[in-house]
Every structure is written in structure tokens, then in C-alpha cells.
Amino acid sequence: MFGKKKKAEAAWYDKENWKPALKCSICNGEQVAGFQNIHTGEFKEETLIRGVPELEAFKQKYGIAQITKIY
């Protein structure tokens, strides 16, 4: 119970219907990491990205090697 740490597992997302994406604003440079539906183009926001450490944490959380940018 106490003192044992579980091995960190990648969070799950529907890889057949959603792809990881980084939505970037051309105007102010704001970036939001989330998932885009490959069929409809719908974007679901997950987290605001303010720097490289937050982007790396998002990629590690979901086991993502590459992320697509959308504008």
C-alpha cells in the first residue's frame, strides 16, 4: 500500500480516430496540445503549452514521438 510506486504507463487515447496535434495561433504564438479527429477535423484541447518542458511532458504522458502542428 504505502511506499510502492506504480510504473508510469502512457495515458490512453483512441489512436484509430484521433491524432495528437499542437494547435498554434499565428497572431500571438499561443500553443495548445490536444487531439484532432482524423475523420471530422474536430480538435479537443488537452493542455496549454507554455514551453518545451510542458510539450515534452504531454508527449511522454501519451507516449507520442512526433506531434503535428495545425494553424
PDB file of N, CA and C in Angstrom:
ATOM      1  N   MET A   1       0.818  -1.170   0.000  1.00  0.00           N
ATOM      2  CA  MET A   1       0.000   0.000   0.000  1.00  0.00           C
ATOM      3  C   MET A   1       0.872   1.248   0.000  1.00  0.00           C
ATOM      4  N   PHE A   2       1.581   1.506   1.066  1.00  0.00           N
ATOM      5  CA  PHE A   2       2.445   2.676   1.137  1.00  0.00           C
ATOM      6  C   PHE A   2       3.855   2.301   0.716  1.00  0.00           C
ATOM      7  N   GLY A   3       4.547   3.234   0.101  1.00  0.00           N
ATOM      8  CA  GLY A   3       5.936   3.014  -0.264  1.00  0.00           C
ATOM      9  C   GLY A   3       6.136   2.372  -1.624  1.00  0.00           C
ATOM     10  N   LYS A   4       5.082   1.815  -2.210  1.00  0.00           N
ATOM     11  CA  LYS A   4       5.220   1.199  -3.524  1.00  0.00           C
ATOM     12  C   LYS A   4       4.734   2.177  -4.578  1.00  0.00           C
ATOM     13  N   LYS A   5       5.561   2.367  -5.587  1.00  0.00           N
ATOM     14  CA  LYS A   5       5.178   3.246  -6.680  1.00  0.00           C
ATOM     15  C   LYS A   5       4.842   2.401  -7.896  1.00  0.00           C
ATOM     16  N   LYS A   6       3.753   2.758  -8.545  1.00  0.00           N
ATOM     17  CA  LYS A   6       3.386   2.066  -9.768  1.00  0.00           C
ATOM     18  C   LYS A   6       4.225   2.597 -10.910  1.00  0.00           C
ATOM     19  N   LYS A   7       4.533   1.729 -11.845  1.00  0.00           N
ATOM     20  CA  LYS A   7       5.272   2.135 -13.020  1.00  0.00           C
ATOM     21  C   LYS A   7       4.380   3.044 -13.863  1.00  0.00           C
ATOM     22  N   ALA A   8       4.921   4.157 -14.293  1.00  0.00           N
ATOM     23  CA  ALA A   8       4.146   5.112 -15.083  1.00  0.00           C
ATOM     24  C   ALA A   8       3.806   4.509 -16.442  1.00  0.00           C
ATOM     25  N   GLU A   9       2.518   4.467 -16.741  1.00  0.00           N
ATOM     26  CA  GLU A   9       2.063   3.962 -18.027  1.00  0.00           C
ATOM     27  C   GLU A   9       1.558   5.134 -18.851  1.00  0.00           C
ATOM     28  N   ALA A  10       1.692   5.018 -20.155  1.00  0.00           N
ATOM     29  CA  ALA A  10       1.208   6.075 -21.041  1.00  0.00           C
ATOM     30  C   ALA A  10      -0.311   6.136 -20.962  1.00  0.00           C
ATOM     31  N   ALA A  11      -0.837   7.348 -20.930  1.00  0.00           N
ATOM     32  CA  ALA A  11      -2.285   7.542 -20.918  1.00  0.00           C
ATOM     33  C   ALA A  11      -2.846   7.066 -22.255  1.00  0.00           C
ATOM     34  N   TRP A  12      -4.108   6.700 -22.244  1.00  0.00           N
ATOM     35  CA  TRP A  12      -4.725   6.124 -23.434  1.00  0.00           C
ATOM     36  C   TRP A  12      -5.498   7.172 -24.216  1.00  0.00           C
ATOM     37  N   TYR A  13      -5.458   7.072 -25.539  1.00  0.00           N
ATOM     38  CA  TYR A  13      -6.335   7.826 -26.429  1.00  0.00           C
ATOM     39  C   TYR A  13      -6.626   6.949 -27.641  1.00  0.00           C
ATOM     40  N   ASP A  14      -7.713   7.199 -28.323  1.00  0.00           N
ATOM     41  CA  ASP A  14      -8.157   6.399 -29.468  1.00  0.00           C
ATOM     42  C   ASP A  14      -7.286   6.689 -30.684  1.00  0.00           C
ATOM     43  N   LYS A  15      -6.281   5.867 -30.896  1.00  0.00           N
ATOM     44  CA  LYS A  15      -5.309   6.102 -31.967  1.00  0.00           C
ATOM     45  C   LYS A  15      -5.884   5.865 -33.360  1.00  0.00           C
ATOM     46  N   GLU A  16      -7.003   5.143 -33.452  1.00  0.00           N
ATOM     47  CA  GLU A  16      -7.608   4.891 -34.758  1.00  0.00           C
ATOM     48  C   GLU A  16      -8.414   6.089 -35.258  1.00  0.00           C
ATOM     49  N   ASN A  17      -8.933   6.905 -34.336  1.00  0.00           N
ATOM     50  CA  ASN A  17      -9.785   8.021 -34.727  1.00  0.00           C
ATOM     51  C   ASN A  17      -9.216   9.398 -34.386  1.00  0.00           C
ATOM     52  N   TRP A  18      -8.219   9.457 -33.535  1.00  0.00           N
ATOM     53  CA  TRP A  18      -7.658  10.734 -33.100  1.00  0.00           C
ATOM     54  C   TRP A  18      -6.146  10.727 -33.290  1.00  0.00           C
ATOM     55  N   LYS A  19      -5.593  11.890 -33.674  1.00  0.00           N
ATOM     56  CA  LYS A  19      -4.141  12.021 -33.787  1.00  0.00           C
ATOM     57  C   LYS A  19      -3.705  13.181 -32.901  1.00  0.00           C
ATOM     58  N   PRO A  20      -2.543  13.073 -32.266  1.00  0.00           N
ATOM     59  CA  PRO A  20      -2.053  14.172 -31.438  1.00  0.00           C
ATOM     60  C   PRO A  20      -1.708  15.370 -32.321  1.00  0.00           C
ATOM     61  N   ALA A  21      -2.026  16.549 -31.818  1.00  0.00           N
ATOM     62  CA  ALA A  21      -1.763  17.759 -32.590  1.00  0.00           C
ATOM     63  C   ALA A  21      -1.453  18.917 -31.655  1.00  0.00           C
ATOM     64  N   LEU A  22      -0.719  19.872 -32.184  1.00  0.00           N
ATOM     65  CA  LEU A  22      -0.376  21.091 -31.462  1.00  0.00           C
ATOM     66  C   LEU A  22      -1.014  22.240 -32.234  1.00  0.00           C
ATOM     67  N   LYS A  23      -2.070  22.827 -31.657  1.00  0.00           N
ATOM     68  CA  LYS A  23      -2.781  23.925 -32.309  1.00  0.00           C
ATOM     69  C   LYS A  23      -2.056  25.219 -31.976  1.00  0.00           C
ATOM     70  N   CYS A  24      -1.566  25.907 -33.012  1.00  0.00           N
ATOM     71  CA  CYS A  24      -0.748  27.102 -32.831  1.00  0.00           C
ATOM     72  C   CYS A  24      -1.469  28.323 -33.382  1.00  0.00           C
ATOM     73  N   SER A  25      -1.436  29.413 -32.631  1.00  0.00           N
ATOM     74  CA  SER A  25      -2.013  30.674 -33.065  1.00  0.00           C
ATOM     75  C   SER A  25      -0.957  31.467 -33.830  1.00  0.00           C
ATOM     76  N   ILE A  26      -1.338  31.949 -34.992  1.00  0.00           N
ATOM     77  CA  ILE A  26      -0.414  32.758 -35.786  1.00  0.00           C
ATOM     78  C   ILE A  26      -0.254  34.138 -35.153  1.00  0.00           C
ATOM     79  N   CYS A  27      -1.314  34.653 -34.561  1.00  0.00           N
ATOM     80  CA  CYS A  27      -1.320  36.021 -34.012  1.00  0.00           C
ATOM     81  C   CYS A  27      -0.433  36.187 -32.779  1.00  0.00           C
ATOM     82  N   ASN A  28      -0.676  35.354 -31.769  1.00  0.00           N
ATOM     83  CA  ASN A  28       0.030  35.573 -30.500  1.00  0.00           C
ATOM     84  C   ASN A  28       0.995  34.450 -30.114  1.00  0.00           C
ATOM     85  N   GLY A  29       1.104  33.423 -30.923  1.00  0.00           N
ATOM     86  CA  GLY A  29       2.046  32.352 -30.658  1.00  0.00           C
ATOM     87  C   GLY A  29       1.595  31.340 -29.619  1.00  0.00           C
ATOM     88  N   GLU A  30       0.354  31.459 -29.126  1.00  0.00           N
ATOM     89  CA  GLU A  30      -0.156  30.510 -28.131  1.00  0.00           C
ATOM     90  C   GLU A  30      -0.244  29.114 -28.734  1.00  0.00           C
ATOM     91  N   GLN A  31       0.111  28.103 -27.931  1.00  0.00           N
ATOM     92  CA  GLN A  31       0.072  26.715 -28.385  1.00  0.00           C
ATOM     93  C   GLN A  31      -0.742  25.887 -27.403  1.00  0.00           C
ATOM     94  N   VAL A  32      -1.610  25.034 -27.965  1.00  0.00           N
ATOM     95  CA  VAL A  32      -2.434  24.141 -27.157  1.00  0.00           C
ATOM     96  C   VAL A  32      -2.247  22.730 -27.692  1.00  0.00           C
ATOM     97  N   ALA A  33      -1.902  21.808 -26.810  1.00  0.00           N
ATOM     98  CA  ALA A  33      -1.745  20.413 -27.203  1.00  0.00           C
ATOM     99  C   ALA A  33      -3.074  19.704 -27.000  1.00  0.00           C
ATOM    100  N   GLY A  34      -3.382  18.809 -27.927  1.00  0.00           N
ATOM    101  CA  GLY A  34      -4.623  18.054 -27.826  1.00  0.00           C
ATOM    102  C   GLY A  34      -4.680  16.998 -28.907  1.00  0.00           C
ATOM    103  N   PHE A  35      -5.905  16.649 -29.291  1.00  0.00           N
ATOM    104  CA  PHE A  35      -6.104  15.593 -30.273  1.00  0.00           C
ATOM    105  C   PHE A  35      -7.095  16.040 -31.333  1.00  0.00           C
ATOM    106  N   GLN A  36      -6.795  15.702 -32.597  1.00  0.00           N
ATOM    107  CA  GLN A  36      -7.650  16.062 -33.716  1.00  0.00           C
ATOM    108  C   GLN A  36      -8.265  14.797 -34.293  1.00  0.00           C
ATOM    109  N   ASN A  37      -9.589  14.825 -34.504  1.00  0.00           N
ATOM    110  CA  ASN A  37     -10.291  13.701 -35.092  1.00  0.00           C
ATOM    111  C   ASN A  37      -9.893  13.611 -36.558  1.00  0.00           C
ATOM    112  N   ILE A  38      -9.433  12.445 -37.002  1.00  0.00           N
ATOM    113  CA  ILE A  38      -8.955  12.294 -38.375  1.00  0.00           C
ATOM    114  C   ILE A  38     -10.098  12.256 -39.390  1.00  0.00           C
ATOM    115  N   HIS A  39     -11.328  12.041 -38.920  1.00  0.00           N
ATOM    116  CA  HIS A  39     -12.474  11.975 -39.818  1.00  0.00           C
ATOM    117  C   HIS A  39     -13.187  13.319 -39.951  1.00  0.00           C
ATOM    118  N   THR A  40     -13.353  14.032 -38.854  1.00  0.00           N
ATOM    119  CA  THR A  40     -14.127  15.278 -38.862  1.00  0.00           C
ATOM    120  C   THR A  40     -13.272  16.532 -38.743  1.00  0.00           C
ATOM    121  N   GLY A  41     -12.045  16.420 -38.265  1.00  0.00           N
ATOM    122  CA  GLY A  41     -11.185  17.580 -38.066  1.00  0.00           C
ATOM    123  C   GLY A  41     -11.408  18.264 -36.725  1.00  0.00           C
ATOM    124  N   GLU A  42     -12.341  17.737 -35.920  1.00  0.00           N
ATOM    125  CA  GLU A  42     -12.608  18.308 -34.596  1.00  0.00           C
ATOM    126  C   GLU A  42     -11.345  18.250 -33.740  1.00  0.00           C
ATOM    127  N   PHE A  43     -11.102  19.317 -32.966  1.00  0.00           N
ATOM    128  CA  PHE A  43      -9.928  19.381 -32.103  1.00  0.00           C
ATOM    129  C   PHE A  43     -10.373  19.434 -30.651  1.00  0.00           C
ATOM    130  N   LYS A  44      -9.829  18.534 -29.838  1.00  0.00           N
ATOM    131  CA  LYS A  44     -10.097  18.531 -28.398  1.00  0.00           C
ATOM    132  C   LYS A  44      -8.841  19.002 -27.672  1.00  0.00           C
ATOM    133  N   GLU A  45      -8.978  20.106 -26.938  1.00  0.00           N
ATOM    134  CA  GLU A  45      -7.844  20.660 -26.208  1.00  0.00           C
ATOM    135  C   GLU A  45      -7.536  19.812 -24.982  1.00  0.00           C
ATOM    136  N   GLU A  46      -6.252  19.639 -24.720  1.00  0.00           N
ATOM    137  CA  GLU A  46      -5.816  18.885 -23.554  1.00  0.00           C
ATOM    138  C   GLU A  46      -5.092  19.788 -22.559  1.00  0.00           C
ATOM    139  N   THR A  47      -4.102  20.544 -23.054  1.00  0.00           N
ATOM    140  CA  THR A  47      -3.315  21.384 -22.154  1.00  0.00           C
ATOM    141  C   THR A  47      -2.666  22.550 -22.902  1.00  0.00           C
ATOM    142  N   LEU A  48      -2.516  23.654 -22.208  1.00  0.00           N
ATOM    143  CA  LEU A  48      -1.817  24.823 -22.747  1.00  0.00           C
ATOM    144  C   LEU A  48      -0.314  24.567 -22.668  1.00  0.00           C
ATOM    145  N   ILE A  49       0.389  24.862 -23.741  1.00  0.00           N
ATOM    146  CA  ILE A  49       1.836  24.661 -23.796  1.00  0.00           C
ATOM    147  C   ILE A  49       2.522  26.019 -23.709  1.00  0.00           C
ATOM    148  N   ARG A  50       3.280  26.227 -22.635  1.00  0.00           N
ATOM    149  CA  ARG A  50       3.985  27.498 -22.454  1.00  0.00           C
ATOM    150  C   ARG A  50       5.483  27.373 -22.711  1.00  0.00           C
ATOM    151  N   GLY A  51       5.954  26.148 -22.897  1.00  0.00           N
ATOM    152  CA  GLY A  51       7.379  25.948 -23.144  1.00  0.00           C
ATOM    153  C   GLY A  51       7.677  24.497 -23.481  1.00  0.00           C
ATOM    154  N   VAL A  52       8.930  24.251 -23.777  1.00  0.00           N
ATOM    155  CA  VAL A  52       9.376  22.907 -24.171  1.00  0.00           C
ATOM    156  C   VAL A  52       9.116  21.863 -23.076  1.00  0.00           C
ATOM    157  N   PRO A  53       9.339  22.160 -21.796  1.00  0.00           N
ATOM    158  CA  PRO A  53       9.093  21.143 -20.767  1.00  0.00           C
ATOM    159  C   PRO A  53       7.632  20.656 -20.731  1.00  0.00           C
ATOM    160  N   GLU A  54       6.682  21.573 -20.940  1.00  0.00           N
ATOM    161  CA  GLU A  54       5.273  21.174 -20.946  1.00  0.00           C
ATOM    162  C   GLU A  54       4.941  20.331 -22.170  1.00  0.00           C
ATOM    163  N   LEU A  55       5.532  20.658 -23.317  1.00  0.00           N
ATOM    164  CA  LEU A  55       5.320  19.860 -24.524  1.00  0.00           C
ATOM    165  C   LEU A  55       5.900  18.461 -24.344  1.00  0.00           C
ATOM    166  N   GLU A  56       7.092  18.369 -23.790  1.00  0.00           N
ATOM    167  CA  GLU A  56       7.716  17.064 -23.554  1.00  0.00           C
ATOM    168  C   GLU A  56       6.901  16.235 -22.552  1.00  0.00           C
ATOM    169  N   ALA A  57       6.346  16.881 -21.538  1.00  0.00           N
ATOM    170  CA  ALA A  57       5.521  16.174 -20.556  1.00  0.00           C
ATOM    171  C   ALA A  57       4.258  15.621 -21.218  1.00  0.00           C
ATOM    172  N   PHE A  58       3.639  16.392 -22.112  1.00  0.00           N
ATOM    173  CA  PHE A  58       2.454  15.936 -22.844  1.00  0.00           C
ATOM    174  C   PHE A  58       2.799  14.730 -23.711  1.00  0.00           C
ATOM    175  N   LYS A  59       3.910  14.830 -24.444  1.00  0.00           N
ATOM    176  CA  LYS A  59       4.321  13.730 -25.313  1.00  0.00           C
ATOM    177  C   LYS A  59       4.640  12.474 -24.510  1.00  0.00           C
ATOM    178  N   GLN A  60       5.272  12.638 -23.376  1.00  0.00           N
ATOM    179  CA  GLN A  60       5.614  11.490 -22.535  1.00  0.00           C
ATOM    180  C   GLN A  60       4.355  10.873 -21.917  1.00  0.00           C
ATOM    181  N   LYS A  61       3.418  11.705 -21.503  1.00  0.00           N
ATOM    182  CA  LYS A  61       2.180  11.224 -20.885  1.00  0.00           C
ATOM    183  C   LYS A  61       1.420  10.286 -21.814  1.00  0.00           C
ATOM    184  N   TYR A  62       1.401  10.599 -23.119  1.00  0.00           N
ATOM    185  CA  TYR A  62       0.646   9.795 -24.081  1.00  0.00           C
ATOM    186  C   TYR A  62       1.522   8.900 -24.949  1.00  0.00           C
ATOM    187  N   GLY A  63       2.823   8.885 -24.713  1.00  0.00           N
ATOM    188  CA  GLY A  63       3.720   8.029 -25.482  1.00  0.00           C
ATOM    189  C   GLY A  63       3.824   8.459 -26.939  1.00  0.00           C
ATOM    190  N   ILE A  64       3.917   9.754 -27.170  1.00  0.00           N
ATOM    191  CA  ILE A  64       3.946  10.316 -28.520  1.00  0.00           C
ATOM    192  C   ILE A  64       5.383  10.644 -28.911  1.00  0.00           C
ATOM    193  N   ALA A  65       5.773  10.215 -30.117  1.00  0.00           N
ATOM    194  CA  ALA A  65       7.120  10.528 -30.598  1.00  0.00           C
ATOM    195  C   ALA A  65       7.113  11.834 -31.394  1.00  0.00           C
ATOM    196  N   GLN A  66       6.125  11.992 -32.280  1.00  0.00           N
ATOM    197  CA  GLN A  66       6.027  13.196 -33.104  1.00  0.00           C
ATOM    198  C   GLN A  66       4.616  13.777 -32.961  1.00  0.00           C
ATOM    199  N   ILE A  67       4.531  15.093 -33.078  1.00  0.00           N
ATOM    200  CA  ILE A  67       3.242  15.774 -32.972  1.00  0.00           C
ATOM    201  C   ILE A  67       3.099  16.735 -34.142  1.00  0.00           C
ATOM    202  N   THR A  68       1.922  16.769 -34.736  1.00  0.00           N
ATOM    203  CA  THR A  68       1.647  17.611 -35.877  1.00  0.00           C
ATOM    204  C   THR A  68       1.206  19.009 -35.415  1.00  0.00           C
ATOM    205  N   LYS A  69       1.631  20.032 -36.130  1.00  0.00           N
ATOM    206  CA  LYS A  69       1.189  21.401 -35.850  1.00  0.00           C
ATOM    207  C   LYS A  69       0.047  21.758 -36.790  1.00  0.00           C
ATOM    208  N   ILE A  70      -0.995  22.365 -36.222  1.00  0.00           N
ATOM    209  CA  ILE A  70      -2.078  22.886 -37.039  1.00  0.00           C
ATOM    210  C   ILE A  70      -2.252  24.365 -36.719  1.00  0.00           C
ATOM    211  N   TYR A  71      -2.615  25.149 -37.714  1.00  0.00           N
ATOM    212  CA  TYR A  71      -2.753  26.603 -37.525  1.00  0.00           C
ATOM    213  C   TYR A  71      -4.183  27.032 -37.754  1.00  0.00           C
TER     214      TYR A  71
END
